[in-house]
Amino acid sequence: MISLYTSIAFSLINLFQASAASDAKTLRMEDWEYENKVKSVLMVQSNSDERFPLIGLNKANALMVTFDVLEAENDYFQYAIVHCDKNWKKSSLNQTDFLKGNMFEEISNFKQSSNTYVQYTHYTFSFPGAKMMPRLAGNYILKVYRNYDEEDLIFTRRFMVLNSKVKLTGSVNSATNVDKRFSHQEVDFRIDATGFVMPNPFQDLHGIILKNYSWMHASQPLKPQFSNSNVYTFNYERENVISGVNEFRFFDSRGLRTFASGVKSKYYDTATNQMVINLFRDQCRGGKTYLYWQDNNGKPVYGNRDLPNVSISEDYLRVNFSIQPNALFSEGDRLFVLGDFNNWKPSAETELIKDGKGIFRTSFSLKQGYHNYLYCIMDKNGKITFDVTEGEHMATENDYRVLVYHKNQFLQYDELIGFMFLNSLNARKKE
């Protein structure tokens, strides 16, 4: 009887493990890594350092994708794209409706790291190309997978294809709402649709506001409030208001021969065969006066200044973060460090745990580079806030992008027909 119970127990454990593994590989319509050894995924516009993943429909432009896998030998990866609606839900279109050419492509360009303690393989590819190109404007997911098995996912990334049909103007101001005037920024905009026929604009036309490079602070799809001839106004008082938060914290690990910004000390860990850096202890900025400094609005920059002429020489360093709590912390609050390294989402690896001296700490590996980061608090209900750890300031310098979607009347998909870039320091002027 005991062996029967043992057999059943092991069967249940195996079933739960298989279920967990299956859930871990379930396709997510967001920026996500499905394996811990996949690191430093970047998607940039080709021939530039623009990180916003937007390309024009039928234009001679492309996106360059790079990523690392912490293995010394190369693997066999492919990629495909998935069409989404404005809310990043998988659309009902068939592949042949939104894609021309091949249904997938190989990733064949790779190099092994050199002169690094942590060995990895660096992959590079660009898309779309002559063999694979989107037919339609809108939202897409790039998915990378292994050995021709689309369920063996490696990572996913969002990107957008624009078919510009309208003109946009806008401004960034302090919030109209008195309670948020000094902490939040309000993005107002207008859409001039002259020459573009929209049978039902108040139902089919939507604008989405995105702050910096993270979808964490994206607005919900907004419908126009008013129209004057073919000009549609989006001038809300709550729906288009986004917290200014604060300038990003940063550290620079591109050079280890001398100490750079944010790095307090470094040492070689013989147990893990890895370099370790300790950052200066951070302080909570909630309730403090706003101070401007130039940051990268979240974008990492990888590099190794000690070996400038050696390709793929950036090492993976163990980075020790710490922050001193203040009186505004509540019992039960969980503290996380956010950055491009975890897609600006709380993760188990980047949660800070309080030590015996009351200091919150965490440690994880990052590629050598200039990194921006922020701290956030997650309450027991899963709500994320920055007011205690970072403060919220209307004066903060932020980039905003407005995306305009219209329901296509023939295929009933959300077509991306307009785009506008605004910077809060340069756009604080009423139209």
Protein backbone atom coordinates (compact mmCIF):
# COMPACT_ATOMS: atom_id res chain seq x y z
CA MET A 1 0.00 0.00 0.00
CA ILE A 2 2.86 2.33 0.85
CA SER A 3 4.45 1.82 -2.57
CA LEU A 4 1.08 2.52 -4.23
CA TYR A 5 0.74 5.82 -2.36
CA THR A 6 4.37 6.63 -3.19
CA SER A 7 3.71 5.88 -6.85
CA ILE A 8 0.62 8.09 -6.84
CA ALA A 9 2.52 10.88 -5.07
CA PHE A 10 5.35 10.80 -7.61
CA SER A 11 2.81 10.76 -10.45
CA LEU A 12 1.11 13.85 -9.03
CA ILE A 13 4.46 15.61 -8.57
CA ASN A 14 5.41 14.84 -12.16
CA LEU A 15 2.01 16.05 -13.34
CA PHE A 16 2.37 19.35 -11.43
CA GLN A 17 5.92 19.81 -12.72
CA ALA A 18 4.81 19.16 -16.29
CA SER A 19 1.91 21.58 -15.85
CA ALA A 20 4.23 24.27 -14.43
CA ALA A 21 6.67 23.77 -17.31
CA SER A 22 3.81 24.03 -19.79
CA ASP A 23 2.53 27.24 -18.16
CA ALA A 24 6.05 28.70 -18.22
CA LYS A 25 6.11 28.33 -22.00
CA THR A 26 2.58 29.62 -22.68
CA LEU A 27 2.72 32.39 -25.28
CA ARG A 28 2.40 35.83 -23.69
CA MET A 29 1.49 38.87 -25.78
CA GLU A 30 4.14 41.02 -24.11
CA ASP A 31 7.88 41.41 -23.70
CA TRP A 32 8.94 38.23 -21.93
CA GLU A 33 11.80 35.75 -21.53
CA TYR A 34 10.74 32.12 -21.10
CA GLU A 35 14.12 30.79 -19.90
CA ASN A 36 16.42 32.26 -17.24
CA LYS A 37 19.49 31.82 -19.41
CA VAL A 38 18.11 34.22 -22.05
CA LYS A 39 19.47 37.70 -21.31
CA SER A 40 19.90 41.22 -22.65
CA VAL A 41 17.29 41.16 -25.42
CA LEU A 42 17.38 44.37 -27.45
CA MET A 43 15.20 45.45 -30.37
CA VAL A 44 16.32 48.63 -32.13
CA GLN A 45 15.55 50.31 -35.40
CA SER A 46 18.24 49.38 -37.93
CA ASN A 47 20.92 51.98 -38.63
CA SER A 48 20.02 53.94 -35.49
CA ASP A 49 19.88 53.62 -31.71
CA GLU A 50 16.11 54.25 -31.58
CA ARG A 51 14.69 51.64 -29.21
CA PHE A 52 11.02 52.19 -29.90
CA PRO A 53 10.03 49.14 -32.04
CA LEU A 54 8.06 50.94 -34.76
CA ILE A 55 8.50 50.50 -38.52
CA GLY A 56 6.56 51.78 -41.55
CA LEU A 57 4.39 49.53 -43.67
CA ASN A 58 6.10 48.67 -46.97
CA LYS A 59 9.02 50.93 -46.04
CA ALA A 60 12.72 50.17 -46.42
CA ASN A 61 13.27 49.90 -42.69
CA ALA A 62 13.80 47.03 -40.30
CA LEU A 63 14.34 46.12 -36.66
CA MET A 64 17.62 44.69 -35.38
CA VAL A 65 17.29 42.11 -32.59
CA THR A 66 20.16 40.96 -30.38
CA PHE A 67 20.12 38.60 -27.41
CA ASP A 68 22.40 36.38 -25.32
CA VAL A 69 22.02 32.79 -24.16
CA LEU A 70 24.26 31.84 -21.23
CA GLU A 71 25.70 28.79 -22.94
CA ALA A 72 29.04 28.31 -24.64
CA GLU A 73 27.55 26.45 -27.61
CA ASN A 74 25.02 27.76 -30.10
CA ASP A 75 21.45 26.53 -30.36
CA TYR A 76 19.01 26.42 -33.29
CA PHE A 77 16.46 29.23 -33.12
CA GLN A 78 13.72 30.45 -35.44
CA TYR A 79 11.30 33.37 -35.28
CA ALA A 80 7.75 34.10 -36.40
CA ILE A 81 5.30 36.96 -35.86
CA VAL A 82 1.76 37.06 -34.44
CA HIS A 83 -0.83 39.74 -35.24
CA CYS A 84 -2.60 41.47 -32.30
CA ASP A 85 -5.38 43.97 -31.73
CA LYS A 86 -4.91 47.36 -30.05
CA ASN A 87 -5.17 45.70 -26.62
CA TRP A 88 -2.41 43.20 -27.43
CA LYS A 89 -4.78 40.26 -27.73
CA LYS A 90 -4.19 37.78 -30.54
CA SER A 91 -6.32 38.78 -33.53
CA SER A 92 -8.58 36.43 -35.48
CA LEU A 93 -6.67 36.93 -38.75
CA ASN A 94 -4.92 34.05 -40.47
CA GLN A 95 -1.17 34.26 -41.11
CA THR A 96 -1.77 34.67 -44.83
CA ASP A 97 -3.95 37.71 -44.07
CA PHE A 98 -1.21 39.68 -42.27
CA LEU A 99 2.01 38.11 -43.56
CA LYS A 100 3.55 37.70 -46.98
CA GLY A 101 6.43 35.34 -47.69
CA ASN A 102 7.71 32.72 -45.28
CA MET A 103 5.82 31.85 -42.11
CA PHE A 104 9.10 31.70 -40.12
CA GLU A 105 12.80 32.47 -40.53
CA GLU A 106 16.06 31.02 -39.20
CA ILE A 107 18.44 32.81 -36.82
CA SER A 108 21.89 31.91 -38.12
CA ASN A 109 24.12 34.83 -37.04
CA PHE A 110 25.83 34.13 -33.71
CA LYS A 111 29.15 34.60 -31.91
CA GLN A 112 30.63 33.19 -28.72
CA SER A 113 31.75 35.63 -26.01
CA SER A 114 35.47 36.30 -25.67
CA ASN A 115 37.61 37.22 -22.64
CA THR A 116 34.65 36.81 -20.25
CA TYR A 117 34.28 34.87 -17.01
CA VAL A 118 30.67 34.05 -17.89
CA GLN A 119 30.45 32.34 -21.27
CA TYR A 120 27.53 33.07 -23.55
CA THR A 121 26.45 33.02 -27.18
CA HIS A 122 25.35 36.29 -28.75
CA TYR A 123 22.70 36.18 -31.50
CA THR A 124 21.77 38.86 -34.04
CA PHE A 125 19.11 39.08 -36.72
CA SER A 126 17.03 41.72 -38.49
CA PHE A 127 13.47 41.66 -39.78
CA PRO A 128 11.29 42.12 -41.74
CA GLY A 129 12.99 41.35 -45.02
CA ALA A 130 12.25 40.29 -48.58
CA LYS A 131 11.43 36.74 -47.46
CA MET A 132 9.05 37.73 -44.65
CA MET A 133 7.08 40.96 -44.39
CA PRO A 134 3.86 42.17 -42.68
CA ARG A 135 0.97 42.96 -45.02
CA LEU A 136 -0.97 45.07 -42.52
CA ALA A 137 -0.31 47.93 -40.11
CA GLY A 138 -0.97 47.27 -36.44
CA ASN A 139 0.43 45.51 -33.37
CA TYR A 140 2.59 42.41 -33.61
CA ILE A 141 4.43 39.96 -31.38
CA LEU A 142 7.81 38.63 -32.41
CA LYS A 143 8.31 35.16 -30.97
CA VAL A 144 11.63 33.30 -30.95
CA TYR A 145 11.60 29.54 -30.41
CA ARG A 146 13.88 26.50 -30.58
CA ASN A 147 14.22 23.60 -33.05
CA TYR A 148 11.15 24.48 -35.14
CA ASP A 149 8.90 23.89 -32.11
CA GLU A 150 6.73 26.99 -31.66
CA GLU A 151 5.83 25.83 -28.16
CA ASP A 152 9.49 25.81 -27.07
CA LEU A 153 9.52 29.58 -26.66
CA ILE A 154 12.67 31.57 -25.90
CA PHE A 155 11.39 35.16 -25.75
CA THR A 156 8.70 37.46 -27.14
CA ARG A 157 8.80 41.16 -28.01
CA ARG A 158 6.16 43.67 -29.04
CA PHE A 159 6.56 45.75 -32.19
CA MET A 160 4.32 47.95 -34.33
CA VAL A 161 3.84 48.60 -38.04
CA LEU A 162 2.57 52.06 -39.04
CA ASN A 163 0.53 53.05 -42.09
CA SER A 164 0.35 56.81 -41.54
CA LYS A 165 -3.01 58.28 -42.61
CA VAL A 166 -3.64 61.08 -40.08
CA LYS A 167 -1.72 64.00 -38.54
CA LEU A 168 -1.25 64.52 -34.81
CA THR A 169 -0.48 67.52 -32.62
CA GLY A 170 -0.20 67.50 -28.84
CA SER A 171 1.23 68.88 -25.62
CA VAL A 172 2.39 67.70 -22.19
CA ASN A 173 1.22 69.76 -19.23
CA SER A 174 0.62 69.51 -15.52
CA ALA A 175 -2.55 67.61 -14.67
CA THR A 176 -5.77 69.58 -14.76
CA ASN A 177 -6.91 67.66 -11.69
CA VAL A 178 -5.77 69.78 -8.72
CA ASP A 179 -4.87 66.72 -6.59
CA LYS A 180 -2.34 65.56 -9.21
CA ARG A 181 -1.09 68.89 -10.51
CA PHE A 182 2.40 68.58 -9.00
CA SER A 183 2.87 64.82 -9.43
CA HIS A 184 1.33 63.84 -12.78
CA GLN A 185 1.65 64.82 -16.43
CA GLU A 186 -1.30 65.23 -18.78
CA VAL A 187 -0.91 64.39 -22.47
CA ASP A 188 -3.50 66.14 -24.67
CA PHE A 189 -3.62 65.59 -28.42
CA ARG A 190 -5.63 66.13 -31.57
CA ILE A 191 -6.01 63.98 -34.68
CA ASP A 192 -6.48 65.65 -38.06
CA ALA A 193 -8.11 63.03 -40.30
CA THR A 194 -8.65 65.23 -43.34
CA GLY A 195 -8.87 63.01 -46.40
CA PHE A 196 -9.34 59.80 -44.41
CA VAL A 197 -12.88 58.39 -44.35
CA MET A 198 -14.11 57.08 -40.98
CA PRO A 199 -17.78 56.02 -40.94
CA ASN A 200 -17.93 55.77 -37.14
CA PRO A 201 -14.94 57.59 -35.57
CA PHE A 202 -16.36 57.79 -32.05
CA GLN A 203 -16.54 54.01 -32.00
CA ASP A 204 -13.63 52.92 -34.21
CA LEU A 205 -10.94 55.55 -33.51
CA HIS A 206 -8.66 55.15 -30.46
CA GLY A 207 -5.51 56.76 -29.10
CA ILE A 208 -3.04 55.13 -26.69
CA ILE A 209 -0.38 57.05 -24.74
CA LEU A 210 2.89 55.31 -23.87
CA LYS A 211 5.50 56.71 -21.47
CA ASN A 212 9.18 56.08 -22.23
CA TYR A 213 9.87 52.49 -23.35
CA SER A 214 7.70 50.55 -20.94
CA TRP A 215 4.08 49.46 -21.30
CA MET A 216 3.73 49.70 -17.51
CA HIS A 217 2.60 53.33 -17.85
CA ALA A 218 0.46 52.98 -21.00
CA SER A 219 -3.04 54.44 -21.04
CA GLN A 220 -6.14 52.51 -21.92
CA PRO A 221 -7.44 53.02 -25.49
CA LEU A 222 -9.06 56.48 -25.54
CA LYS A 223 -11.96 57.52 -27.76
CA PRO A 224 -12.22 61.09 -29.09
CA GLN A 225 -14.22 63.50 -26.96
CA PHE A 226 -15.07 66.13 -29.56
CA SER A 227 -14.78 66.72 -33.28
CA ASN A 228 -14.62 69.84 -35.38
CA SER A 229 -14.91 68.94 -39.03
CA ASN A 230 -12.22 66.24 -39.40
CA VAL A 231 -10.24 67.17 -36.27
CA TYR A 232 -10.77 64.95 -33.22
CA THR A 233 -9.83 66.14 -29.71
CA PHE A 234 -8.53 63.97 -26.84
CA ASN A 235 -8.43 66.28 -23.81
CA TYR A 236 -9.36 64.21 -20.78
CA GLU A 237 -8.69 65.08 -17.14
CA ARG A 238 -8.05 61.57 -15.76
CA GLU A 239 -7.68 58.98 -18.52
CA ASN A 240 -4.70 60.72 -20.15
CA VAL A 241 -2.91 61.58 -16.89
CA ILE A 242 0.25 59.62 -16.04
CA SER A 243 2.52 59.86 -13.00
CA GLY A 244 5.75 61.73 -13.73
CA VAL A 245 7.58 59.51 -11.18
CA ASN A 246 11.25 60.67 -11.07
CA GLU A 247 14.45 60.63 -13.09
CA PHE A 248 15.87 57.12 -13.42
CA ARG A 249 18.56 55.88 -11.08
CA PHE A 250 21.63 54.61 -12.91
CA PHE A 251 24.99 52.90 -12.65
CA ASP A 252 27.78 52.38 -15.17
CA SER A 253 29.72 49.10 -15.26
CA ARG A 254 31.29 49.47 -18.70
CA GLY A 255 34.75 49.94 -17.16
CA LEU A 256 36.05 47.99 -14.13
CA ARG A 257 39.63 49.29 -14.04
CA THR A 258 38.35 52.45 -12.39
CA PHE A 259 35.15 53.00 -10.44
CA ALA A 260 32.34 54.47 -12.49
CA SER A 261 29.05 56.14 -11.62
CA GLY A 262 27.05 54.31 -8.98
CA VAL A 263 29.64 51.55 -8.33
CA LYS A 264 31.04 51.46 -4.79
CA SER A 265 33.31 48.41 -4.97
CA LYS A 266 34.06 45.26 -6.94
CA TYR A 267 35.63 41.85 -6.37
CA TYR A 268 36.10 38.49 -8.03
CA ASP A 269 34.03 35.66 -6.54
CA THR A 270 36.03 32.42 -6.79
CA ALA A 271 32.99 30.32 -5.86
CA THR A 272 30.97 31.44 -8.90
CA ASN A 273 33.89 32.46 -11.16
CA GLN A 274 32.24 35.85 -11.67
CA MET A 275 32.96 39.51 -11.04
CA VAL A 276 30.71 41.12 -8.44
CA ILE A 277 29.99 44.84 -8.05
CA ASN A 278 28.41 46.57 -5.07
CA LEU A 279 26.34 49.65 -5.83
CA PHE A 280 26.14 52.56 -3.41
CA ARG A 281 23.22 52.15 -1.04
CA ASP A 282 20.15 53.91 -2.40
CA GLN A 283 17.77 56.07 -0.40
CA CYS A 284 14.02 56.46 -0.83
CA ARG A 285 13.15 59.64 -2.72
CA GLY A 286 9.51 59.92 -1.70
CA GLY A 287 8.74 63.29 -0.15
CA LYS A 288 12.05 64.82 -1.29
CA THR A 289 12.55 67.79 -3.59
CA TYR A 290 12.78 66.99 -7.28
CA LEU A 291 16.27 67.15 -8.77
CA TYR A 292 16.86 66.93 -12.53
CA TRP A 293 19.69 64.92 -14.03
CA GLN A 294 20.12 63.50 -17.51
CA ASP A 295 19.23 59.83 -17.80
CA ASN A 296 18.47 57.45 -20.66
CA ASN A 297 14.72 57.17 -19.98
CA GLY A 298 15.18 53.48 -19.25
CA LYS A 299 17.40 52.40 -22.15
CA PRO A 300 20.45 50.25 -21.34
CA VAL A 301 23.72 50.68 -23.24
CA TYR A 302 26.03 47.65 -23.28
CA GLY A 303 29.79 47.94 -23.62
CA ASN A 304 33.25 47.12 -22.24
CA ARG A 305 35.59 50.10 -22.12
CA ASP A 306 38.47 47.98 -20.83
CA LEU A 307 38.54 45.91 -24.05
CA PRO A 308 37.20 48.36 -26.66
CA ASN A 309 38.54 46.51 -29.70
CA VAL A 310 37.43 43.00 -28.71
CA SER A 311 34.07 41.84 -30.10
CA ILE A 312 31.54 40.35 -27.66
CA SER A 313 33.69 41.17 -24.63
CA GLU A 314 30.96 42.44 -22.27
CA ASP A 315 30.90 40.19 -19.21
CA TYR A 316 27.98 39.31 -16.95
CA LEU A 317 28.51 40.80 -13.49
CA ARG A 318 26.73 39.98 -10.26
CA VAL A 319 25.20 43.31 -9.15
CA ASN A 320 24.31 43.90 -5.49
CA PHE A 321 21.46 46.40 -4.96
CA SER A 322 20.44 47.81 -1.58
CA ILE A 323 18.07 50.50 -0.36
CA GLN A 324 17.41 52.08 3.02
CA PRO A 325 13.66 52.07 3.87
CA ASN A 326 11.93 55.04 5.41
CA ALA A 327 8.98 55.67 7.69
CA LEU A 328 6.50 55.54 4.79
CA PHE A 329 6.98 51.79 4.30
CA SER A 330 3.97 49.70 5.36
CA GLU A 331 4.10 46.23 6.85
CA GLY A 332 3.50 43.64 4.14
CA ASP A 333 4.76 45.81 1.27
CA ARG A 334 7.07 44.02 -1.14
CA LEU A 335 9.95 45.90 -2.72
CA PHE A 336 11.31 45.34 -6.25
CA VAL A 337 13.94 46.85 -8.51
CA LEU A 338 12.71 47.42 -12.07
CA GLY A 339 14.62 47.89 -15.29
CA ASP A 340 14.95 46.77 -18.86
CA PHE A 341 16.53 43.61 -17.38
CA ASN A 342 13.10 42.43 -16.16
CA ASN A 343 10.97 44.25 -18.74
CA TRP A 344 9.94 46.78 -16.05
CA LYS A 345 7.88 44.10 -14.30
CA PRO A 346 8.37 42.77 -10.75
CA SER A 347 10.09 39.38 -10.75
CA ALA A 348 11.20 36.90 -8.09
CA GLU A 349 14.85 37.47 -8.96
CA THR A 350 14.64 41.23 -8.46
CA GLU A 351 12.66 41.31 -5.21
CA LEU A 352 14.58 42.94 -2.35
CA ILE A 353 14.56 41.13 1.02
CA LYS A 354 15.15 42.87 4.36
CA ASP A 355 18.28 41.74 6.19
CA GLY A 356 18.94 41.71 9.93
CA LYS A 357 19.91 45.39 9.86
CA GLY A 358 16.70 46.49 8.16
CA ILE A 359 18.30 47.06 4.75
CA PHE A 360 16.53 45.72 1.66
CA ARG A 361 18.86 43.81 -0.66
CA THR A 362 18.92 41.76 -3.85
CA SER A 363 21.57 40.45 -6.21
CA PHE A 364 21.46 39.21 -9.80
CA SER A 365 23.55 39.13 -12.98
CA LEU A 366 23.57 41.92 -15.55
CA LYS A 367 25.61 42.48 -18.68
CA GLN A 368 28.29 45.16 -18.50
CA GLY A 369 26.76 48.49 -19.44
CA TYR A 370 25.03 51.69 -18.43
CA HIS A 371 21.76 50.72 -16.74
CA ASN A 372 18.70 52.74 -15.65
CA TYR A 373 16.49 51.40 -12.87
CA LEU A 374 13.77 52.31 -10.37
CA TYR A 375 12.39 50.84 -7.15
CA CYS A 376 8.69 50.12 -6.68
CA ILE A 377 6.43 48.84 -3.92
CA MET A 378 3.81 46.15 -4.47
CA ASP A 379 1.06 46.00 -1.86
CA LYS A 380 -0.83 42.88 -0.80
CA ASN A 381 -3.35 43.44 -3.62
CA GLY A 382 -0.64 43.53 -6.29
CA LYS A 383 -0.86 47.30 -6.83
CA ILE A 384 2.47 48.87 -7.86
CA THR A 385 3.39 52.37 -6.66
CA PHE A 386 6.46 54.63 -6.84
CA ASP A 387 5.50 57.48 -4.51
CA VAL A 388 7.42 56.12 -1.48
CA THR A 389 10.52 54.78 -3.21
CA GLU A 390 10.96 57.32 -6.02
CA GLY A 391 8.53 60.19 -5.51
CA GLU A 392 6.18 61.59 -8.15
CA HIS A 393 6.95 64.88 -9.89
CA MET A 394 5.29 66.73 -12.72
CA ALA A 395 8.66 68.27 -13.63
CA THR A 396 10.28 64.90 -14.49
CA GLU A 397 11.64 64.61 -18.03
CA ASN A 398 9.77 61.84 -19.87
CA ASP A 399 9.25 60.73 -23.46
CA TYR A 400 5.68 60.13 -24.64
CA ARG A 401 4.43 58.40 -27.76
CA VAL A 402 0.85 58.52 -29.00
CA LEU A 403 -0.40 55.59 -31.11
CA VAL A 404 -3.64 55.97 -33.10
CA TYR A 405 -5.69 52.95 -34.15
CA HIS A 406 -8.72 52.66 -36.41
CA LYS A 407 -10.91 49.61 -36.95
CA ASN A 408 -10.37 48.54 -40.55
CA GLN A 409 -13.78 48.31 -42.24
CA PHE A 410 -12.91 45.36 -44.50
CA LEU A 411 -10.94 42.92 -42.32
CA GLN A 412 -12.09 44.28 -38.92
CA TYR A 413 -8.61 44.59 -37.41
CA ASP A 414 -7.05 47.49 -35.49
CA GLU A 415 -4.91 49.38 -38.00
CA LEU A 416 -2.16 51.68 -36.70
CA ILE A 417 -2.75 54.89 -38.70
CA GLY A 418 -0.99 57.59 -36.65
CA PHE A 419 2.03 58.19 -34.43
CA MET A 420 3.47 61.15 -32.52
CA PHE A 421 6.50 61.64 -30.26
CA LEU A 422 6.50 64.19 -27.42
CA ASN A 423 9.03 65.05 -24.75
CA SER A 424 7.72 66.57 -21.52
CA LEU A 425 10.44 69.25 -21.37
CA ASN A 426 9.87 70.37 -24.95
CA ALA A 427 6.10 70.06 -25.13
CA ARG A 428 4.88 72.04 -22.12
CA LYS A 429 3.04 74.63 -24.09
CA LYS A 430 -0.69 74.89 -24.65
CA GLU A 431 -1.70 74.75 -28.29
